[in-house]
Amino acid sequence: MKIGILQNAEIINTALWLKKENILILADLHLGIEEMYTSQGIFLPRTNYEKIFRQLNETFKKTGRLKKIIVCGDLKHEFGNISEQEWKEVTNILAYLQAHADEVIIVKGDHDKIMGPIALFNKIKISDFYYNGKESIIVMHGNKLLELADKKEFSEAKTLIIGHGHPAVSLREQNKVGKYKCFLKGKFGNKVLVVLPSMCTVTEGTDVLKENLLSPFLKQDLSEFECWLVADKEYYFGKLKQIN
């Protein structure tokens, strides 16, 4: 029996599709990351954009046209400016998202401090969070807690969906160890907490079993959190405490 991460929701690659509301949620694309590494003397092939584009193309084949696409933070990578690579790749991706949805919303991440000019160019709204009162779902990047904890929408929401954590798990098979992106589901207080993996293809992410996680929402015991591993399809792995 297939175990779904949320009622009326489906994992497609590294995105979460809220089927009833026809909303697709993406997180942590980090477009332009290669140019940042190049400026530090580290050469990376510029493949992130093309791989994300192909992944989105496969996703849209399954979803069809969407009511909303929510980018759950860190669409771009540079903190302090907009690089040439970022401007080109982000505007292209946003135009592609707009062609597949009635509305695109950018939820601001910590890497999106200077997102305004790109969003204005594409006529897209930037928000600190997205709230769906009908389904009691709030979507935020996951890097801030105190700034949003007193919001009426946050207190009313029963389900919290975040990015920022870049969750992944490492699995050992004989002498080989592979790291895989994963979705997590657990609790934050009295709310259901769902953590999306990053779409960025440069790294798999942070091993939730061994490494420190940045999000304040994940500064807790995660052993009871459930895990869906992303590979050729999603695989339900049960609770983190069961993974060796």
Protein backbone atom coordinates (compact mmCIF):
# COMPACT_ATOMS: atom_id res chain seq x y z
CA MET A 1 0.00 0.00 0.00
CA LYS A 2 1.40 3.37 -1.00
CA ILE A 3 1.60 5.83 1.89
CA GLY A 4 0.92 9.42 0.88
CA ILE A 5 2.73 12.30 2.50
CA LEU A 6 -0.47 14.36 2.86
CA GLN A 7 -4.10 13.77 2.00
CA ASN A 8 -4.76 14.78 -1.63
CA ALA A 9 -1.05 15.40 -2.22
CA GLU A 10 1.50 13.67 -4.42
CA ILE A 11 5.29 13.75 -4.57
CA ILE A 12 6.53 14.35 -8.12
CA ASN A 13 10.33 14.34 -8.35
CA THR A 14 11.35 16.96 -5.76
CA ALA A 15 8.06 18.88 -5.91
CA LEU A 16 4.86 18.52 -3.90
CA TRP A 17 1.57 18.62 -5.80
CA LEU A 18 -1.51 19.53 -3.78
CA LYS A 19 -3.95 17.85 -6.13
CA LYS A 20 -7.23 19.09 -4.66
CA GLU A 21 -6.12 22.72 -4.87
CA ASN A 22 -4.00 22.06 -8.01
CA ILE A 23 -0.98 23.79 -6.46
CA LEU A 24 2.63 22.76 -7.07
CA ILE A 25 5.26 23.65 -4.45
CA LEU A 26 8.98 23.82 -5.30
CA ALA A 27 11.90 24.70 -3.04
CA ASP A 28 15.55 25.73 -3.19
CA LEU A 29 16.47 25.88 -6.88
CA HIS A 30 19.58 28.01 -6.18
CA LEU A 31 19.87 29.12 -9.79
CA GLY A 32 23.20 30.79 -10.54
CA ILE A 33 25.09 28.77 -7.96
CA GLU A 34 27.84 27.82 -10.44
CA GLU A 35 28.80 31.46 -11.07
CA MET A 36 29.23 32.00 -7.34
CA TYR A 37 31.57 29.01 -7.11
CA THR A 38 33.50 30.21 -10.16
CA SER A 39 34.07 33.59 -8.46
CA GLN A 40 35.67 31.66 -5.59
CA GLY A 41 37.97 29.76 -7.93
CA ILE A 42 35.91 26.56 -7.98
CA PHE A 43 34.78 25.48 -11.44
CA LEU A 44 31.46 23.68 -11.79
CA PRO A 45 29.80 22.80 -15.08
CA ARG A 46 26.68 24.95 -15.53
CA THR A 47 24.16 22.14 -15.48
CA ASN A 48 21.79 23.07 -12.64
CA TYR A 49 19.42 25.13 -14.80
CA GLU A 50 19.15 22.50 -17.55
CA LYS A 51 18.56 19.65 -15.10
CA ILE A 52 15.90 21.62 -13.22
CA PHE A 53 14.23 22.59 -16.50
CA ARG A 54 14.06 18.93 -17.56
CA GLN A 55 12.69 17.94 -14.16
CA LEU A 56 9.99 20.60 -14.39
CA ASN A 57 9.10 19.45 -17.88
CA GLU A 58 8.56 15.89 -16.60
CA THR A 59 6.54 17.22 -13.67
CA PHE A 60 4.19 19.26 -15.88
CA LYS A 61 3.52 16.19 -18.01
CA LYS A 62 1.92 14.67 -14.90
CA THR A 63 0.17 17.70 -13.47
CA GLY A 64 -1.08 19.46 -16.59
CA ARG A 65 -1.88 23.14 -16.16
CA LEU A 66 -1.81 24.31 -12.55
CA LYS A 67 -3.79 26.85 -10.60
CA LYS A 68 -0.74 28.02 -8.66
CA ILE A 69 2.98 27.32 -8.49
CA ILE A 70 4.66 28.35 -5.24
CA VAL A 71 8.44 28.66 -5.16
CA CYS A 72 9.22 28.06 -1.51
CA GLY A 73 12.35 30.22 -1.29
CA ASP A 74 15.92 30.34 -2.60
CA LEU A 75 15.04 30.56 -6.26
CA LYS A 76 18.40 32.28 -6.79
CA HIS A 77 21.71 31.76 -5.00
CA GLU A 78 23.66 35.01 -4.58
CA PHE A 79 22.90 36.85 -1.33
CA GLY A 80 24.01 40.39 -2.19
CA ASN A 81 23.38 40.93 -5.89
CA ILE A 82 21.92 39.46 -9.06
CA SER A 83 24.58 37.84 -11.20
CA GLU A 84 24.32 37.73 -14.98
CA GLN A 85 23.73 33.99 -14.85
CA GLU A 86 20.99 34.41 -12.23
CA TRP A 87 19.13 37.07 -14.20
CA LYS A 88 19.05 34.92 -17.32
CA GLU A 89 18.20 31.63 -15.64
CA VAL A 90 15.68 32.94 -13.10
CA THR A 91 13.74 35.03 -15.63
CA ASN A 92 13.63 32.06 -18.02
CA ILE A 93 12.45 29.64 -15.33
CA LEU A 94 9.81 32.07 -14.08
CA ALA A 95 8.49 32.57 -17.61
CA TYR A 96 8.34 28.78 -18.00
CA LEU A 97 6.44 28.44 -14.71
CA GLN A 98 4.03 31.20 -15.75
CA ALA A 99 3.30 29.31 -18.97
CA HIS A 100 2.11 26.33 -16.89
CA ALA A 101 0.09 28.02 -14.14
CA ASP A 102 -2.53 30.71 -13.66
CA GLU A 103 -0.38 32.27 -10.93
CA VAL A 104 3.21 32.00 -9.71
CA ILE A 105 4.11 33.08 -6.17
CA ILE A 106 7.63 33.49 -4.80
CA VAL A 107 7.96 32.88 -1.06
CA LYS A 108 11.09 34.76 -0.08
CA GLY A 109 14.08 32.73 1.11
CA ASP A 110 17.31 33.87 2.72
CA HIS A 111 19.06 33.81 -0.68
CA ASP A 112 16.33 35.96 -2.24
CA LYS A 113 17.18 39.28 -0.58
CA ILE A 114 17.53 40.99 -3.97
CA MET A 115 14.74 39.32 -5.89
CA GLY A 116 12.59 42.42 -6.47
CA PRO A 117 13.91 43.46 -9.92
CA ILE A 118 13.50 39.95 -11.35
CA ALA A 119 10.03 39.52 -9.85
CA LEU A 120 8.99 42.94 -11.16
CA PHE A 121 10.30 42.05 -14.63
CA ASN A 122 8.18 38.88 -14.62
CA LYS A 123 5.24 40.60 -12.84
CA ILE A 124 5.30 38.09 -9.99
CA LYS A 125 4.38 38.64 -6.37
CA ILE A 126 6.94 38.07 -3.58
CA SER A 127 5.58 37.08 -0.15
CA ASP A 128 6.99 36.08 3.22
CA PHE A 129 4.60 33.14 3.22
CA TYR A 130 1.59 31.69 1.41
CA TYR A 131 -1.53 30.75 3.36
CA ASN A 132 -4.41 28.58 2.18
CA GLY A 133 -7.13 29.04 4.77
CA LYS A 134 -9.45 26.52 3.16
CA GLU A 135 -6.96 23.70 3.68
CA SER A 136 -5.25 25.28 6.76
CA ILE A 137 -1.85 25.09 5.04
CA ILE A 138 0.92 27.65 5.35
CA VAL A 139 3.99 27.59 3.09
CA MET A 140 7.18 29.39 4.12
CA HIS A 141 10.86 29.04 3.41
CA GLY A 142 11.75 27.76 6.86
CA ASN A 143 14.68 30.00 7.76
CA LYS A 144 12.62 32.26 10.07
CA LEU A 145 10.49 31.41 13.04
CA LEU A 146 10.18 34.32 15.44
CA GLU A 147 9.22 36.79 12.68
CA LEU A 148 6.24 34.65 11.69
CA ALA A 149 5.24 32.95 14.93
CA ASP A 150 2.89 35.78 15.91
CA LYS A 151 1.11 35.87 12.56
CA LYS A 152 -2.59 34.96 12.63
CA GLU A 153 -2.14 32.68 9.61
CA PHE A 154 0.67 30.78 11.31
CA SER A 155 -1.35 30.16 14.46
CA GLU A 156 -4.39 29.01 12.46
CA ALA A 157 -2.53 26.69 10.10
CA LYS A 158 -2.66 22.97 10.80
CA THR A 159 -0.04 22.03 8.19
CA LEU A 160 3.30 23.77 7.69
CA ILE A 161 5.30 23.23 4.48
CA ILE A 162 8.90 24.47 4.33
CA GLY A 163 12.12 24.23 2.34
CA HIS A 164 15.55 25.51 3.47
CA GLY A 165 16.63 22.28 5.16
CA HIS A 166 17.76 20.50 1.95
CA PRO A 167 17.00 17.13 3.60
CA ALA A 168 18.78 14.03 2.37
CA VAL A 169 19.65 10.59 3.72
CA SER A 170 22.73 8.42 3.18
CA LEU A 171 22.16 4.71 2.63
CA ARG A 172 24.79 2.01 2.68
CA GLU A 173 24.66 -1.09 0.48
CA GLN A 174 27.64 -3.35 1.10
CA ASN A 175 30.65 -1.07 0.54
CA LYS A 176 28.78 1.67 -1.30
CA VAL A 177 27.15 4.73 0.25
CA GLY A 178 24.69 6.86 -1.68
CA LYS A 179 23.06 10.11 -0.59
CA TYR A 180 19.50 10.80 -1.72
CA LYS A 181 17.18 13.78 -1.47
CA CYS A 182 14.14 13.16 0.69
CA PHE A 183 10.86 14.58 1.94
CA LEU A 184 10.24 14.62 5.69
CA LYS A 185 6.99 14.66 7.62
CA GLY A 186 6.72 15.16 11.35
CA LYS A 187 5.43 17.62 13.92
CA PHE A 188 6.23 21.16 14.94
CA GLY A 189 4.23 21.80 18.07
CA ASN A 190 0.64 20.90 17.21
CA LYS A 191 1.18 21.31 13.45
CA VAL A 192 2.04 18.78 10.80
CA LEU A 193 5.43 19.74 9.34
CA VAL A 194 6.43 18.76 5.80
CA VAL A 195 9.97 19.52 4.63
CA LEU A 196 10.71 19.62 0.90
CA PRO A 197 14.06 18.59 -0.59
CA SER A 198 16.01 21.08 -2.68
CA MET A 199 15.58 21.14 -6.46
CA CYS A 200 19.20 22.26 -6.79
CA THR A 201 21.13 19.51 -8.55
CA VAL A 202 24.64 20.56 -7.50
CA THR A 203 24.40 18.68 -4.20
CA GLU A 204 21.96 16.12 -2.79
CA GLY A 205 21.59 18.10 0.44
CA THR A 206 22.16 17.67 4.17
CA ASP A 207 22.14 14.21 5.72
CA VAL A 208 19.38 14.46 8.32
CA LEU A 209 20.82 11.51 10.23
CA LYS A 210 24.36 12.88 10.59
CA GLU A 211 24.59 16.60 9.85
CA ASN A 212 23.33 19.78 11.48
CA LEU A 213 20.21 21.24 9.90
CA LEU A 214 19.87 25.00 9.51
CA SER A 215 16.12 25.44 9.86
CA PRO A 216 14.85 26.41 13.33
CA PHE A 217 11.86 24.17 12.64
CA LEU A 218 14.22 21.19 12.54
CA LYS A 219 16.14 21.92 15.76
CA GLN A 220 14.40 19.02 17.45
CA ASP A 221 14.51 15.24 17.70
CA LEU A 222 13.70 14.01 14.19
CA SER A 223 13.67 10.29 14.95
CA GLU A 224 9.87 10.07 14.66
CA PHE A 225 9.80 11.97 11.35
CA GLU A 226 8.76 9.92 8.33
CA CYS A 227 10.92 9.87 5.22
CA TRP A 228 10.16 9.63 1.50
CA LEU A 229 13.34 9.11 -0.52
CA VAL A 230 13.56 10.57 -4.04
CA ALA A 231 15.30 8.49 -6.72
CA ASP A 232 13.75 7.18 -9.95
CA LYS A 233 10.48 7.58 -8.02
CA GLU A 234 9.61 8.22 -4.39
CA TYR A 235 10.18 5.45 -1.84
CA TYR A 236 8.60 5.44 1.60
CA PHE A 237 11.25 4.55 4.19
CA GLY A 238 9.23 4.85 7.37
CA LYS A 239 10.57 6.73 10.37
CA LEU A 240 14.11 8.09 10.45
CA LYS A 241 14.90 6.04 13.54
CA GLN A 242 14.39 2.91 11.44
CA ILE A 243 16.99 3.88 8.83
CA ASN A 244 20.50 2.53 9.39
